[in-house]
Amino acid sequence: MELTILIFREIEYLDKWKGSMIECVVKTLA
């Protein structure tokens, strides 16, 4: 159970990181 929450948190963190990376690229291109 705890392991599932840990994995979910890590995926959520990665999604936020990818989101900020994409945001940076969009700002650079815009």
PDB file of N, CA and C in Angstrom:
ATOM      1  N   MET A   1       0.847  -1.202   0.000  1.00  0.00           N
ATOM      2  CA  MET A   1       0.000   0.000   0.000  1.00  0.00           C
ATOM      3  C   MET A   1       0.887   1.260   0.000  1.00  0.00           C
ATOM      4  N   GLU A   2       1.848   1.304   0.910  1.00  0.00           N
ATOM      5  CA  GLU A   2       2.729   2.476   0.976  1.00  0.00           C
ATOM      6  C   GLU A   2       3.546   2.616  -0.304  1.00  0.00           C
ATOM      7  N   LEU A   3       3.960   1.477  -0.856  1.00  0.00           N
ATOM      8  CA  LEU A   3       4.765   1.493  -2.079  1.00  0.00           C
ATOM      9  C   LEU A   3       3.976   2.104  -3.228  1.00  0.00           C
ATOM     10  N   THR A   4       2.676   1.788  -3.297  1.00  0.00           N
ATOM     11  CA  THR A   4       1.835   2.336  -4.365  1.00  0.00           C
ATOM     12  C   THR A   4       1.757   3.856  -4.248  1.00  0.00           C
ATOM     13  N   ILE A   5       1.601   4.349  -3.014  1.00  0.00           N
ATOM     14  CA  ILE A   5       1.524   5.805  -2.792  1.00  0.00           C
ATOM     15  C   ILE A   5       2.851   6.448  -3.193  1.00  0.00           C
ATOM     16  N   LEU A   6       3.959   5.773  -2.864  1.00  0.00           N
ATOM     17  CA  LEU A   6       5.283   6.285  -3.194  1.00  0.00           C
ATOM     18  C   LEU A   6       5.444   6.419  -4.701  1.00  0.00           C
ATOM     19  N   ILE A   7       5.044   5.364  -5.428  1.00  0.00           N
ATOM     20  CA  ILE A   7       5.140   5.377  -6.891  1.00  0.00           C
ATOM     21  C   ILE A   7       4.240   6.475  -7.464  1.00  0.00           C
ATOM     22  N   PHE A   8       3.037   6.595  -6.918  1.00  0.00           N
ATOM     23  CA  PHE A   8       2.100   7.606  -7.410  1.00  0.00           C
ATOM     24  C   PHE A   8       2.674   9.003  -7.224  1.00  0.00           C
ATOM     25  N   ARG A   9       3.290   9.238  -6.055  1.00  0.00           N
ATOM     26  CA  ARG A   9       3.893  10.546  -5.788  1.00  0.00           C
ATOM     27  C   ARG A   9       5.030  10.822  -6.752  1.00  0.00           C
ATOM     28  N   GLU A  10       5.822   9.783  -7.038  1.00  0.00           N
ATOM     29  CA  GLU A  10       6.959   9.958  -7.950  1.00  0.00           C
ATOM     30  C   GLU A  10       6.463  10.288  -9.354  1.00  0.00           C
ATOM     31  N   ILE A  11       5.396   9.610  -9.795  1.00  0.00           N
ATOM     32  CA  ILE A  11       4.820   9.876 -11.122  1.00  0.00           C
ATOM     33  C   ILE A  11       4.287  11.311 -11.162  1.00  0.00           C
ATOM     34  N   GLU A  12       3.623  11.728 -10.084  1.00  0.00           N
ATOM     35  CA  GLU A  12       3.079  13.081 -10.015  1.00  0.00           C
ATOM     36  C   GLU A  12       4.214  14.099 -10.106  1.00  0.00           C
ATOM     37  N   TYR A  13       5.321  13.815  -9.410  1.00  0.00           N
ATOM     38  CA  TYR A  13       6.486  14.702  -9.424  1.00  0.00           C
ATOM     39  C   TYR A  13       7.072  14.795 -10.829  1.00  0.00           C
ATOM     40  N   LEU A  14       7.189  13.650 -11.494  1.00  0.00           N
ATOM     41  CA  LEU A  14       7.738  13.622 -12.855  1.00  0.00           C
ATOM     42  C   LEU A  14       6.842  14.405 -13.812  1.00  0.00           C
ATOM     43  N   ASP A  15       5.516  14.271 -13.635  1.00  0.00           N
ATOM     44  CA  ASP A  15       4.584  14.994 -14.502  1.00  0.00           C
ATOM     45  C   ASP A  15       4.759  16.495 -14.317  1.00  0.00           C
ATOM     46  N   LYS A  16       4.939  16.940 -13.076  1.00  0.00           N
ATOM     47  CA  LYS A  16       5.135  18.367 -12.813  1.00  0.00           C
ATOM     48  C   LYS A  16       6.446  18.833 -13.433  1.00  0.00           C
ATOM     49  N   TRP A  17       7.493  17.980 -13.324  1.00  0.00           N
ATOM     50  CA  TRP A  17       8.801  18.322 -13.881  1.00  0.00           C
ATOM     51  C   TRP A  17       8.710  18.441 -15.402  1.00  0.00           C
ATOM     52  N   LYS A  18       8.022  17.464 -16.027  1.00  0.00           N
ATOM     53  CA  LYS A  18       7.845  17.505 -17.483  1.00  0.00           C
ATOM     54  C   LYS A  18       7.056  18.748 -17.873  1.00  0.00           C
ATOM     55  N   GLY A  19       6.037  19.067 -17.093  1.00  0.00           N
ATOM     56  CA  GLY A  19       5.204  20.237 -17.368  1.00  0.00           C
ATOM     57  C   GLY A  19       6.023  21.515 -17.344  1.00  0.00           C
ATOM     58  N   SER A  20       6.894  21.664 -16.346  1.00  0.00           N
ATOM     59  CA  SER A  20       7.708  22.869 -16.254  1.00  0.00           C
ATOM     60  C   SER A  20       8.737  22.911 -17.381  1.00  0.00           C
ATOM     61  N   MET A  21       9.254  21.735 -17.774  1.00  0.00           N
ATOM     62  CA  MET A  21      10.207  21.679 -18.876  1.00  0.00           C
ATOM     63  C   MET A  21       9.539  22.127 -20.173  1.00  0.00           C
ATOM     64  N   ILE A  22       8.335  21.607 -20.429  1.00  0.00           N
ATOM     65  CA  ILE A  22       7.587  21.971 -21.638  1.00  0.00           C
ATOM     66  C   ILE A  22       7.273  23.467 -21.606  1.00  0.00           C
ATOM     67  N   GLU A  23       6.921  23.975 -20.412  1.00  0.00           N
ATOM     68  CA  GLU A  23       6.599  25.396 -20.263  1.00  0.00           C
ATOM     69  C   GLU A  23       7.812  26.249 -20.634  1.00  0.00           C
ATOM     70  N   CYS A  24       8.996  25.829 -20.175  1.00  0.00           N
ATOM     71  CA  CYS A  24      10.234  26.555 -20.494  1.00  0.00           C
ATOM     72  C   CYS A  24      10.479  26.555 -21.998  1.00  0.00           C
ATOM     73  N   VAL A  25      10.273  25.415 -22.649  1.00  0.00           N
ATOM     74  CA  VAL A  25      10.497  25.303 -24.095  1.00  0.00           C
ATOM     75  C   VAL A  25       9.510  26.201 -24.836  1.00  0.00           C
ATOM     76  N   VAL A  26       8.255  26.186 -24.399  1.00  0.00           N
ATOM     77  CA  VAL A  26       7.236  27.014 -25.057  1.00  0.00           C
ATOM     78  C   VAL A  26       7.584  28.491 -24.915  1.00  0.00           C
ATOM     79  N   LYS A  27       8.042  28.895 -23.726  1.00  0.00           N
ATOM     80  CA  LYS A  27       8.409  30.302 -23.505  1.00  0.00           C
ATOM     81  C   LYS A  27       9.595  30.676 -24.383  1.00  0.00           C
ATOM     82  N   THR A  28      10.530  29.742 -24.553  1.00  0.00           N
ATOM     83  CA  THR A  28      11.708  30.020 -25.379  1.00  0.00           C
ATOM     84  C   THR A  28      11.308  30.164 -26.849  1.00  0.00           C
ATOM     85  N   LEU A  29      10.389  29.327 -27.312  1.00  0.00           N
ATOM     86  CA  LEU A  29       9.963  29.364 -28.711  1.00  0.00           C
ATOM     87  C   LEU A  29       9.050  30.555 -28.977  1.00  0.00           C
ATOM     88  N   ALA A  30       8.240  30.917 -27.997  1.00  0.00           N
ATOM     89  CA  ALA A  30       7.266  31.998 -28.193  1.00  0.00           C
ATOM     90  C   ALA A  30       7.946  33.350 -28.377  1.00  0.00           C
TER      91      ALA A  30
END
